[in-house]
N, C-alpha and C. Protein backbone atom coordinates (compact mmCIF):
# COMPACT_ATOMS: atom_id res chain seq x y z
N MET A 1 -63.84 94.68 90.19
CA MET A 1 -62.73 93.71 89.67
C MET A 1 -62.77 93.62 88.22
N THR A 2 -63.98 93.39 87.67
CA THR A 2 -63.76 93.28 86.07
C THR A 2 -63.33 94.51 85.58
N ASP A 3 -63.42 95.70 86.04
CA ASP A 3 -62.83 96.93 85.32
C ASP A 3 -61.53 96.82 85.60
N PHE A 4 -60.67 96.34 86.46
CA PHE A 4 -59.36 96.42 86.60
C PHE A 4 -58.78 95.34 85.72
N LYS A 5 -59.48 94.25 85.42
CA LYS A 5 -58.97 93.03 84.51
C LYS A 5 -59.01 93.58 82.96
N ASP A 6 -60.24 94.43 82.79
CA ASP A 6 -60.30 94.86 81.53
C ASP A 6 -59.28 95.94 81.17
N ARG A 7 -58.91 96.77 82.24
CA ARG A 7 -57.94 97.67 82.02
C ARG A 7 -56.53 97.13 82.05
N GLU A 8 -56.37 96.11 82.62
CA GLU A 8 -55.15 95.33 82.67
C GLU A 8 -54.81 94.80 81.21
N ARG A 9 -55.85 94.16 80.53
CA ARG A 9 -55.84 93.68 79.30
C ARG A 9 -55.65 94.50 78.24
N ALA A 10 -56.45 95.88 78.40
CA ALA A 10 -56.06 96.97 77.60
C ALA A 10 -54.66 97.41 77.56
N GLU A 11 -54.05 97.48 78.59
CA GLU A 11 -52.76 98.08 78.80
C GLU A 11 -51.71 97.05 78.19
N GLU A 12 -52.00 95.76 78.34
CA GLU A 12 -51.14 94.74 77.70
C GLU A 12 -51.33 94.75 76.25
N ALA A 13 -52.44 94.96 75.76
CA ALA A 13 -52.47 95.02 74.17
C ALA A 13 -52.00 96.15 73.74
N LYS A 14 -51.99 97.41 74.33
CA LYS A 14 -51.43 98.67 73.90
C LYS A 14 -49.78 98.30 73.90
N PHE A 15 -49.36 97.72 75.02
CA PHE A 15 -47.86 97.49 75.16
C PHE A 15 -47.33 96.55 73.96
N ALA A 16 -48.32 95.59 73.69
CA ALA A 16 -47.76 94.60 72.53
C ALA A 16 -47.89 95.31 71.08
N PHE A 17 -48.76 96.18 71.02
CA PHE A 17 -48.99 96.84 69.92
C PHE A 17 -47.79 98.06 69.57
N ASP A 18 -47.41 98.52 70.70
CA ASP A 18 -46.36 99.52 70.62
C ASP A 18 -45.09 98.96 70.32
N GLU A 19 -44.86 97.74 70.89
CA GLU A 19 -43.67 97.07 70.81
C GLU A 19 -43.53 96.40 69.29
N ASP A 20 -44.65 96.04 68.70
CA ASP A 20 -44.74 95.43 67.41
C ASP A 20 -44.53 96.59 66.50
N ASN A 21 -44.99 97.85 66.67
CA ASN A 21 -44.66 98.71 65.77
C ASN A 21 -43.33 99.37 65.97
N ALA A 22 -42.72 99.32 67.16
CA ALA A 22 -41.36 99.70 67.34
C ALA A 22 -40.40 98.68 66.54
N PHE A 23 -40.63 97.38 66.44
CA PHE A 23 -39.76 96.42 65.70
C PHE A 23 -39.96 96.64 64.36
N ARG A 24 -41.11 96.94 63.76
CA ARG A 24 -41.41 97.27 62.51
C ARG A 24 -40.51 98.52 62.04
N ILE A 25 -40.48 99.55 62.72
CA ILE A 25 -39.93 100.55 62.22
C ILE A 25 -38.32 100.39 62.40
N ALA A 26 -37.89 99.81 63.55
CA ALA A 26 -36.34 99.45 63.44
C ALA A 26 -35.87 98.59 62.18
N ALA A 27 -36.56 97.55 61.95
CA ALA A 27 -36.26 96.77 60.83
C ALA A 27 -36.39 97.53 59.43
N ARG A 28 -37.35 98.77 59.42
CA ARG A 28 -37.40 99.48 58.01
C ARG A 28 -36.21 100.34 58.22
N ARG A 29 -35.98 100.83 59.01
CA ARG A 29 -34.76 101.72 59.42
C ARG A 29 -33.59 100.98 58.96
N ASN A 30 -33.21 99.76 59.33
CA ASN A 30 -32.11 99.03 59.09
C ASN A 30 -31.95 98.68 57.64
N ARG A 31 -33.22 98.30 56.96
CA ARG A 31 -33.16 98.24 55.48
C ARG A 31 -32.67 99.39 54.92
N LEU A 32 -33.36 100.61 55.25
CA LEU A 32 -32.88 101.96 54.58
C LEU A 32 -31.54 102.18 54.88
N LEU A 33 -30.85 101.89 56.03
CA LEU A 33 -29.41 102.02 56.37
C LEU A 33 -28.68 100.98 55.56
N GLY A 34 -29.13 99.68 55.36
CA GLY A 34 -28.40 98.93 54.45
C GLY A 34 -28.28 99.31 53.06
N GLU A 35 -29.41 99.86 52.68
CA GLU A 35 -29.40 100.39 51.27
C GLU A 35 -28.63 101.60 51.06
N TRP A 36 -28.44 102.55 52.09
CA TRP A 36 -27.63 103.60 52.01
C TRP A 36 -25.86 103.09 51.91
N ALA A 37 -25.68 102.13 52.94
CA ALA A 37 -24.31 101.54 52.91
C ALA A 37 -23.92 100.95 51.67
N ALA A 38 -24.98 100.05 51.15
CA ALA A 38 -24.80 99.37 49.72
C ALA A 38 -24.45 100.37 48.55
N GLN A 39 -25.07 101.34 48.88
CA GLN A 39 -24.88 102.66 47.64
C GLN A 39 -23.58 103.26 47.91
N VAL A 40 -23.13 103.35 49.07
CA VAL A 40 -21.71 103.85 49.15
C VAL A 40 -20.62 102.90 48.86
N MET A 41 -20.89 101.67 49.09
CA MET A 41 -19.93 100.58 48.70
C MET A 41 -20.09 100.19 47.19
N GLY A 42 -20.98 100.65 46.37
CA GLY A 42 -21.21 100.49 45.04
C GLY A 42 -21.70 99.00 44.83
N LEU A 43 -22.58 98.56 45.57
CA LEU A 43 -23.06 96.97 45.40
C LEU A 43 -24.18 97.22 44.15
N THR A 44 -24.15 95.88 43.63
CA THR A 44 -25.27 95.87 42.51
C THR A 44 -26.74 95.67 43.29
N PRO A 45 -27.59 95.73 42.21
CA PRO A 45 -29.02 95.60 43.03
C PRO A 45 -29.25 94.34 43.68
N GLU A 46 -28.73 93.30 43.20
CA GLU A 46 -28.88 91.94 44.06
C GLU A 46 -28.13 91.92 45.10
N GLU A 47 -26.91 92.52 45.21
CA GLU A 47 -26.24 92.49 46.36
C GLU A 47 -26.51 93.25 47.33
N THR A 48 -27.24 94.53 46.89
CA THR A 48 -27.76 95.43 47.69
C THR A 48 -29.05 94.84 48.56
N GLU A 49 -29.89 93.96 47.82
CA GLU A 49 -30.98 93.15 48.59
C GLU A 49 -30.56 92.39 49.66
N ALA A 50 -29.44 91.67 49.21
CA ALA A 50 -29.01 90.92 50.24
C ALA A 50 -28.27 91.54 51.31
N TYR A 51 -27.51 92.45 51.05
CA TYR A 51 -27.07 93.35 52.23
C TYR A 51 -28.03 93.89 53.14
N LYS A 52 -29.11 94.55 52.62
CA LYS A 52 -30.14 95.19 53.47
C LYS A 52 -30.56 94.09 54.33
N LYS A 53 -30.91 92.88 54.05
CA LYS A 53 -31.32 91.84 54.93
C LYS A 53 -30.29 91.47 56.08
N ALA A 54 -28.95 91.41 55.61
CA ALA A 54 -27.98 91.08 56.29
C ALA A 54 -27.84 92.22 57.45
N VAL A 55 -28.15 93.37 57.14
CA VAL A 55 -28.10 94.46 58.25
C VAL A 55 -29.52 94.39 59.07
N VAL A 56 -30.47 93.86 58.71
CA VAL A 56 -31.55 93.61 59.57
C VAL A 56 -31.18 92.57 60.43
N GLN A 57 -30.70 91.56 59.95
CA GLN A 57 -30.30 90.29 60.74
C GLN A 57 -29.17 90.60 61.89
N ALA A 58 -28.38 91.43 61.54
CA ALA A 58 -27.45 91.86 62.45
C ALA A 58 -27.97 92.52 63.65
N ASP A 59 -29.02 93.12 63.68
CA ASP A 59 -29.75 93.91 64.81
C ASP A 59 -30.21 92.92 65.68
N PHE A 60 -30.30 91.56 65.35
CA PHE A 60 -30.83 90.50 66.33
C PHE A 60 -29.55 90.11 67.26
N GLU A 61 -28.47 90.46 67.02
CA GLU A 61 -27.29 89.83 67.87
C GLU A 61 -27.15 90.42 69.11
N GLU A 62 -27.59 91.69 69.36
CA GLU A 62 -27.51 92.17 70.88
C GLU A 62 -28.62 93.41 70.91
N ALA A 63 -29.06 93.72 72.14
CA ALA A 63 -29.94 94.62 72.23
C ALA A 63 -29.38 95.91 71.80
N GLY A 64 -29.94 96.78 71.49
CA GLY A 64 -29.64 98.34 71.00
C GLY A 64 -29.14 98.38 69.76
N ASP A 65 -28.42 99.26 69.19
CA ASP A 65 -27.92 99.51 67.83
C ASP A 65 -26.49 99.50 67.56
N GLU A 66 -25.59 98.98 68.50
CA GLU A 66 -24.38 98.91 68.49
C GLU A 66 -23.89 97.91 67.50
N ASP A 67 -24.62 96.70 67.49
CA ASP A 67 -24.41 95.51 66.60
C ASP A 67 -24.60 96.07 65.15
N VAL A 68 -25.57 96.91 64.78
CA VAL A 68 -25.81 97.35 63.46
C VAL A 68 -24.59 98.23 63.08
N ILE A 69 -24.27 99.05 64.06
CA ILE A 69 -23.26 100.26 63.76
C ILE A 69 -21.90 99.61 63.51
N ARG A 70 -21.79 98.38 64.29
CA ARG A 70 -20.38 97.75 64.32
C ARG A 70 -20.54 97.13 62.83
N LYS A 71 -21.38 96.43 62.42
CA LYS A 71 -21.38 95.75 61.10
C LYS A 71 -21.25 96.82 59.91
N LEU A 72 -21.90 97.96 59.97
CA LEU A 72 -21.73 98.80 59.04
C LEU A 72 -20.27 99.54 58.88
N VAL A 73 -19.99 99.81 59.84
CA VAL A 73 -18.68 100.43 60.03
C VAL A 73 -17.49 99.48 59.55
N GLY A 74 -17.66 98.26 60.03
CA GLY A 74 -16.72 97.07 59.58
C GLY A 74 -16.79 96.77 58.08
N ASP A 75 -17.94 96.81 57.48
CA ASP A 75 -18.31 96.48 56.04
C ASP A 75 -17.81 97.74 55.20
N LEU A 76 -18.05 98.91 55.64
CA LEU A 76 -17.59 100.18 55.03
C LEU A 76 -16.17 100.21 54.91
N THR A 77 -15.44 99.97 56.02
CA THR A 77 -14.02 99.99 56.24
C THR A 77 -13.43 99.10 55.27
N ALA A 78 -13.85 97.84 55.25
CA ALA A 78 -13.40 96.70 54.57
C ALA A 78 -13.51 96.92 53.06
N ALA A 79 -14.55 97.72 52.61
CA ALA A 79 -14.81 97.97 51.29
C ALA A 79 -13.84 99.18 50.77
N GLY A 80 -13.19 99.80 51.82
CA GLY A 80 -12.35 100.99 51.46
C GLY A 80 -13.05 102.30 51.26
N CYS A 81 -14.25 102.33 51.98
CA CYS A 81 -14.99 103.66 51.94
C CYS A 81 -14.56 104.49 53.00
N ASP A 82 -14.55 105.70 52.62
CA ASP A 82 -13.99 106.67 53.62
C ASP A 82 -15.15 107.09 54.59
N VAL A 83 -15.69 106.29 55.50
CA VAL A 83 -16.87 106.68 56.28
C VAL A 83 -16.49 106.28 57.64
N ASP A 84 -16.79 107.02 58.65
CA ASP A 84 -16.51 106.80 60.12
C ASP A 84 -17.65 106.54 60.74
N GLU A 85 -17.56 106.15 62.01
CA GLU A 85 -18.58 105.86 62.92
C GLU A 85 -19.63 106.84 63.14
N SER A 86 -19.03 108.16 63.14
CA SER A 86 -20.25 109.25 63.47
C SER A 86 -21.02 109.47 62.41
N THR A 87 -20.62 109.29 61.08
CA THR A 87 -21.27 109.34 59.93
C THR A 87 -22.43 108.16 59.95
N VAL A 88 -21.92 106.93 60.21
CA VAL A 88 -22.81 106.00 60.36
C VAL A 88 -23.99 106.12 61.45
N ARG A 89 -23.76 106.62 62.58
CA ARG A 89 -24.70 107.18 63.64
C ARG A 89 -25.60 108.13 62.97
N ALA A 90 -24.96 109.25 62.39
CA ALA A 90 -25.96 110.13 61.79
C ALA A 90 -26.89 109.49 60.81
N GLN A 91 -26.25 108.76 59.98
CA GLN A 91 -27.35 108.14 58.93
C GLN A 91 -28.41 107.37 59.60
N LEU A 92 -27.87 106.65 60.70
CA LEU A 92 -28.92 105.67 61.59
C LEU A 92 -30.13 106.70 62.14
N GLU A 93 -29.77 107.82 62.78
CA GLU A 93 -30.83 108.75 63.02
C GLU A 93 -31.65 109.36 61.86
N GLU A 94 -30.91 109.57 60.84
CA GLU A 94 -31.77 110.09 59.79
C GLU A 94 -32.66 108.98 58.98
N LYS A 95 -32.10 107.71 59.03
CA LYS A 95 -33.18 106.69 58.70
C LYS A 95 -34.07 106.30 59.55
N ALA A 96 -33.97 106.48 60.89
CA ALA A 96 -35.02 106.37 61.91
C ALA A 96 -36.19 107.18 61.79
N ILE A 97 -35.76 108.40 61.24
CA ILE A 97 -36.80 109.41 61.03
C ILE A 97 -37.67 108.96 59.91
N GLU A 98 -36.85 108.72 58.85
CA GLU A 98 -37.44 108.36 57.54
C GLU A 98 -38.24 107.11 57.72
N ALA A 99 -37.86 106.08 58.43
CA ALA A 99 -38.62 104.97 58.78
C ALA A 99 -40.00 105.14 59.46
N ARG A 100 -39.87 106.09 60.36
CA ARG A 100 -41.00 106.33 61.14
C ARG A 100 -42.13 107.09 60.26
N ARG A 101 -41.70 108.03 59.46
CA ARG A 101 -42.41 108.58 58.47
C ARG A 101 -43.13 107.71 57.35
N GLN A 102 -42.21 106.79 57.11
CA GLN A 102 -42.98 105.90 55.86
C GLN A 102 -43.87 104.93 56.82
N PHE A 103 -43.73 104.69 57.97
CA PHE A 103 -44.66 103.73 58.68
C PHE A 103 -45.97 104.32 59.04
N MET A 104 -45.78 105.53 59.41
CA MET A 104 -47.02 106.42 59.78
C MET A 104 -47.95 106.81 58.53
N SER A 105 -47.10 106.91 57.49
CA SER A 105 -48.00 107.29 56.24
C SER A 105 -48.63 106.00 55.86
N GLU A 106 -48.18 104.68 56.07
CA GLU A 106 -48.88 103.74 55.68
C GLU A 106 -49.97 103.22 56.60
N SER A 107 -49.92 103.67 57.90
CA SER A 107 -50.98 103.28 58.85
C SER A 107 -52.27 103.88 58.59
């Protein structure tokens, strides 16, 4: 019985560890994505920092990436930038890879 409890605790710890890492990678991806969008919009360094935080916050609105995509497309369109949803989705994928690489190199 003890072996089963130990195994169960180990699985729970691994799950929590994996979830924490996924959260950190997603937050880093969102910051990178916010930085890219801020650059496209021509924001100042101070505005860029605030915008990166706003993109990270946008990810808490609903599960998945649609809330972040919606925010970026809306903000880029409002700023008069010629960027469509497919470009934002491509950047999201690119930044996800970059965020994972950065995270793994720090670990």
